[in-house]
Amino acid sequence: MVSTPLGILAVELGWVVTEVGRQPWVIQNVLRTSEGVSPGLTAAEATMTLAGFAVVYLGLLALYTYVIVRIIRAGPPDVNGPELDGPAETPTSEVQSDD
């Protein structure tokens, strides 16, 4: 159960590593800072994209939490099956002894 969020963490950290991996090229004068940015992307577009991702991820987190809480509150399934109120009925045979 503890390892459940590790998949999400791996995806997010992979994205961070990809983005941070660009920085050594800029620092070592291999890539100019002006070449490392998207020229057509405005600050408003970047902010809206970040806000959109945040809203989607928060929505998924809320849905995940809701489902997990419902599963926990329901408890484990009954492995013995439903209890019978009366004596157990034995199946009767359709064949008569004189047949």
C-alpha atoms as a PDB file:
ATOM      1  CA  MET A   1       0.000   0.000   0.000  1.00  0.00           C
ATOM      2  CA  VAL A   2       2.850   2.348   0.783  1.00  0.00           C
ATOM      3  CA  SER A   3       4.225   2.047  -2.749  1.00  0.00           C
ATOM      4  CA  THR A   4       0.941   3.101  -4.394  1.00  0.00           C
ATOM      5  CA  PRO A   5       1.965   6.728  -5.089  1.00  0.00           C
ATOM      6  CA  LEU A   6       5.420   5.751  -6.405  1.00  0.00           C
ATOM      7  CA  GLY A   7       4.171   5.534 -10.001  1.00  0.00           C
ATOM      8  CA  ILE A   8       2.881   9.101  -9.909  1.00  0.00           C
ATOM      9  CA  LEU A   9       6.083  10.223  -8.211  1.00  0.00           C
ATOM     10  CA  ALA A  10       8.173   8.549 -10.945  1.00  0.00           C
ATOM     11  CA  VAL A  11       6.255  10.352 -13.705  1.00  0.00           C
ATOM     12  CA  GLU A  12       6.601  13.734 -12.004  1.00  0.00           C
ATOM     13  CA  LEU A  13      10.272  13.277 -11.188  1.00  0.00           C
ATOM     14  CA  GLY A  14      10.952  12.169 -14.760  1.00  0.00           C
ATOM     15  CA  TRP A  15       9.481  15.439 -15.986  1.00  0.00           C
ATOM     16  CA  VAL A  16      11.559  17.418 -13.493  1.00  0.00           C
ATOM     17  CA  VAL A  17      14.756  15.610 -14.541  1.00  0.00           C
ATOM     18  CA  THR A  18      13.989  16.352 -18.192  1.00  0.00           C
ATOM     19  CA  GLU A  19      13.499  20.056 -17.551  1.00  0.00           C
ATOM     20  CA  VAL A  20      16.423  20.431 -15.168  1.00  0.00           C
ATOM     21  CA  GLY A  21      18.618  18.506 -17.600  1.00  0.00           C
ATOM     22  CA  ARG A  22      18.552  21.487 -19.950  1.00  0.00           C
ATOM     23  CA  GLN A  23      20.260  23.767 -17.453  1.00  0.00           C
ATOM     24  CA  PRO A  24      23.862  22.442 -17.683  1.00  0.00           C
ATOM     25  CA  TRP A  25      23.873  23.243 -21.394  1.00  0.00           C
ATOM     26  CA  VAL A  26      22.832  26.812 -20.680  1.00  0.00           C
ATOM     27  CA  ILE A  27      25.320  27.199 -17.820  1.00  0.00           C
ATOM     28  CA  GLN A  28      28.290  25.833 -19.785  1.00  0.00           C
ATOM     29  CA  ASN A  29      27.701  28.175 -22.753  1.00  0.00           C
ATOM     30  CA  VAL A  30      26.726  25.337 -25.069  1.00  0.00           C
ATOM     31  CA  LEU A  31      23.196  26.668 -25.378  1.00  0.00           C
ATOM     32  CA  ARG A  32      22.277  30.301 -24.976  1.00  0.00           C
ATOM     33  CA  THR A  33      19.463  31.164 -22.590  1.00  0.00           C
ATOM     34  CA  SER A  34      17.549  32.778 -25.441  1.00  0.00           C
ATOM     35  CA  GLU A  35      17.694  29.474 -27.353  1.00  0.00           C
ATOM     36  CA  GLY A  36      16.401  27.511 -24.372  1.00  0.00           C
ATOM     37  CA  VAL A  37      13.004  29.203 -24.268  1.00  0.00           C
ATOM     38  CA  SER A  38       9.933  28.858 -26.431  1.00  0.00           C
ATOM     39  CA  PRO A  39       9.623  32.100 -28.421  1.00  0.00           C
ATOM     40  CA  GLY A  40       5.879  31.873 -28.980  1.00  0.00           C
ATOM     41  CA  LEU A  41       4.949  31.141 -25.378  1.00  0.00           C
ATOM     42  CA  THR A  42       3.732  34.078 -23.321  1.00  0.00           C
ATOM     43  CA  ALA A  43       3.792  34.306 -19.536  1.00  0.00           C
ATOM     44  CA  ALA A  44      -0.006  34.172 -19.453  1.00  0.00           C
ATOM     45  CA  GLU A  45      -0.051  30.950 -21.490  1.00  0.00           C
ATOM     46  CA  ALA A  46       2.547  29.342 -19.228  1.00  0.00           C
ATOM     47  CA  THR A  47       0.597  30.382 -16.131  1.00  0.00           C
ATOM     48  CA  MET A  48      -2.687  29.065 -17.541  1.00  0.00           C
ATOM     49  CA  THR A  49      -1.041  25.768 -18.473  1.00  0.00           C
ATOM     50  CA  LEU A  50       0.390  25.389 -14.976  1.00  0.00           C
ATOM     51  CA  ALA A  51      -2.967  26.251 -13.422  1.00  0.00           C
ATOM     52  CA  GLY A  52      -4.711  23.764 -15.716  1.00  0.00           C
ATOM     53  CA  PHE A  53      -2.350  20.965 -14.733  1.00  0.00           C
ATOM     54  CA  ALA A  54      -2.771  21.853 -11.058  1.00  0.00           C
ATOM     55  CA  VAL A  55      -6.577  21.744 -11.349  1.00  0.00           C
ATOM     56  CA  VAL A  56      -6.535  18.407 -13.189  1.00  0.00           C
ATOM     57  CA  TYR A  57      -4.122  16.815 -10.716  1.00  0.00           C
ATOM     58  CA  LEU A  58      -6.056  18.153  -7.726  1.00  0.00           C
ATOM     59  CA  GLY A  59      -9.266  16.774  -9.242  1.00  0.00           C
ATOM     60  CA  LEU A  60      -7.648  13.374  -9.735  1.00  0.00           C
ATOM     61  CA  LEU A  61      -6.325  13.464  -6.168  1.00  0.00           C
ATOM     62  CA  ALA A  62      -9.800  14.288  -4.840  1.00  0.00           C
ATOM     63  CA  LEU A  63     -11.366  11.468  -6.870  1.00  0.00           C
ATOM     64  CA  TYR A  64      -8.677   9.006  -5.777  1.00  0.00           C
ATOM     65  CA  THR A  65      -9.141   9.999  -2.123  1.00  0.00           C
ATOM     66  CA  TYR A  66     -12.930   9.653  -2.391  1.00  0.00           C
ATOM     67  CA  VAL A  67     -12.692   6.152  -3.890  1.00  0.00           C
ATOM     68  CA  ILE A  68     -10.083   4.957  -1.387  1.00  0.00           C
ATOM     69  CA  VAL A  69     -12.107   6.270   1.567  1.00  0.00           C
ATOM     70  CA  ARG A  70     -15.201   4.440   0.279  1.00  0.00           C
ATOM     71  CA  ILE A  71     -13.248   1.206  -0.089  1.00  0.00           C
ATOM     72  CA  ILE A  72     -11.787   1.527   3.407  1.00  0.00           C
ATOM     73  CA  ARG A  73     -15.164   2.313   4.987  1.00  0.00           C
ATOM     74  CA  ALA A  74     -16.760  -0.691   3.254  1.00  0.00           C
ATOM     75  CA  GLY A  75     -14.258  -2.977   4.959  1.00  0.00           C
ATOM     76  CA  PRO A  76     -12.925  -6.269   3.736  1.00  0.00           C
ATOM     77  CA  PRO A  77     -15.256  -8.567   1.788  1.00  0.00           C
ATOM     78  CA  ASP A  78     -16.967 -11.435   3.638  1.00  0.00           C
ATOM     79  CA  VAL A  79     -15.077 -14.606   2.724  1.00  0.00           C
ATOM     80  CA  ASN A  80     -17.562 -16.994   4.361  1.00  0.00           C
ATOM     81  CA  GLY A  81     -20.502 -15.884   2.295  1.00  0.00           C
ATOM     82  CA  PRO A  82     -23.865 -14.646   3.532  1.00  0.00           C
ATOM     83  CA  GLU A  83     -25.306 -16.172   6.705  1.00  0.00           C
ATOM     84  CA  LEU A  84     -28.463 -18.233   6.335  1.00  0.00           C
ATOM     85  CA  ASP A  85     -31.365 -17.520   8.703  1.00  0.00           C
ATOM     86  CA  GLY A  86     -32.794 -21.020   8.802  1.00  0.00           C
ATOM     87  CA  PRO A  87     -31.549 -24.568   8.577  1.00  0.00           C
ATOM     88  CA  ALA A  88     -29.684 -25.414   5.414  1.00  0.00           C
ATOM     89  CA  GLU A  89     -31.888 -26.965   2.765  1.00  0.00           C
ATOM     90  CA  THR A  90     -30.703 -30.160   1.195  1.00  0.00           C
ATOM     91  CA  PRO A  91     -31.297 -30.597  -2.509  1.00  0.00           C
ATOM     92  CA  THR A  92     -33.958 -33.114  -3.394  1.00  0.00           C
ATOM     93  CA  SER A  93     -33.639 -35.568  -6.195  1.00  0.00           C
ATOM     94  CA  GLU A  94     -36.203 -35.553  -8.996  1.00  0.00           C
ATOM     95  CA  VAL A  95     -35.821 -39.290  -9.494  1.00  0.00           C
ATOM     96  CA  GLN A  96     -38.204 -41.574  -7.571  1.00  0.00           C
ATOM     97  CA  SER A  97     -36.955 -44.830  -6.120  1.00  0.00           C
ATOM     98  CA  ASP A  98     -39.468 -46.873  -8.162  1.00  0.00           C
ATOM     99  CA  ASP A  99     -38.383 -45.395 -11.519  1.00  0.00           C
END
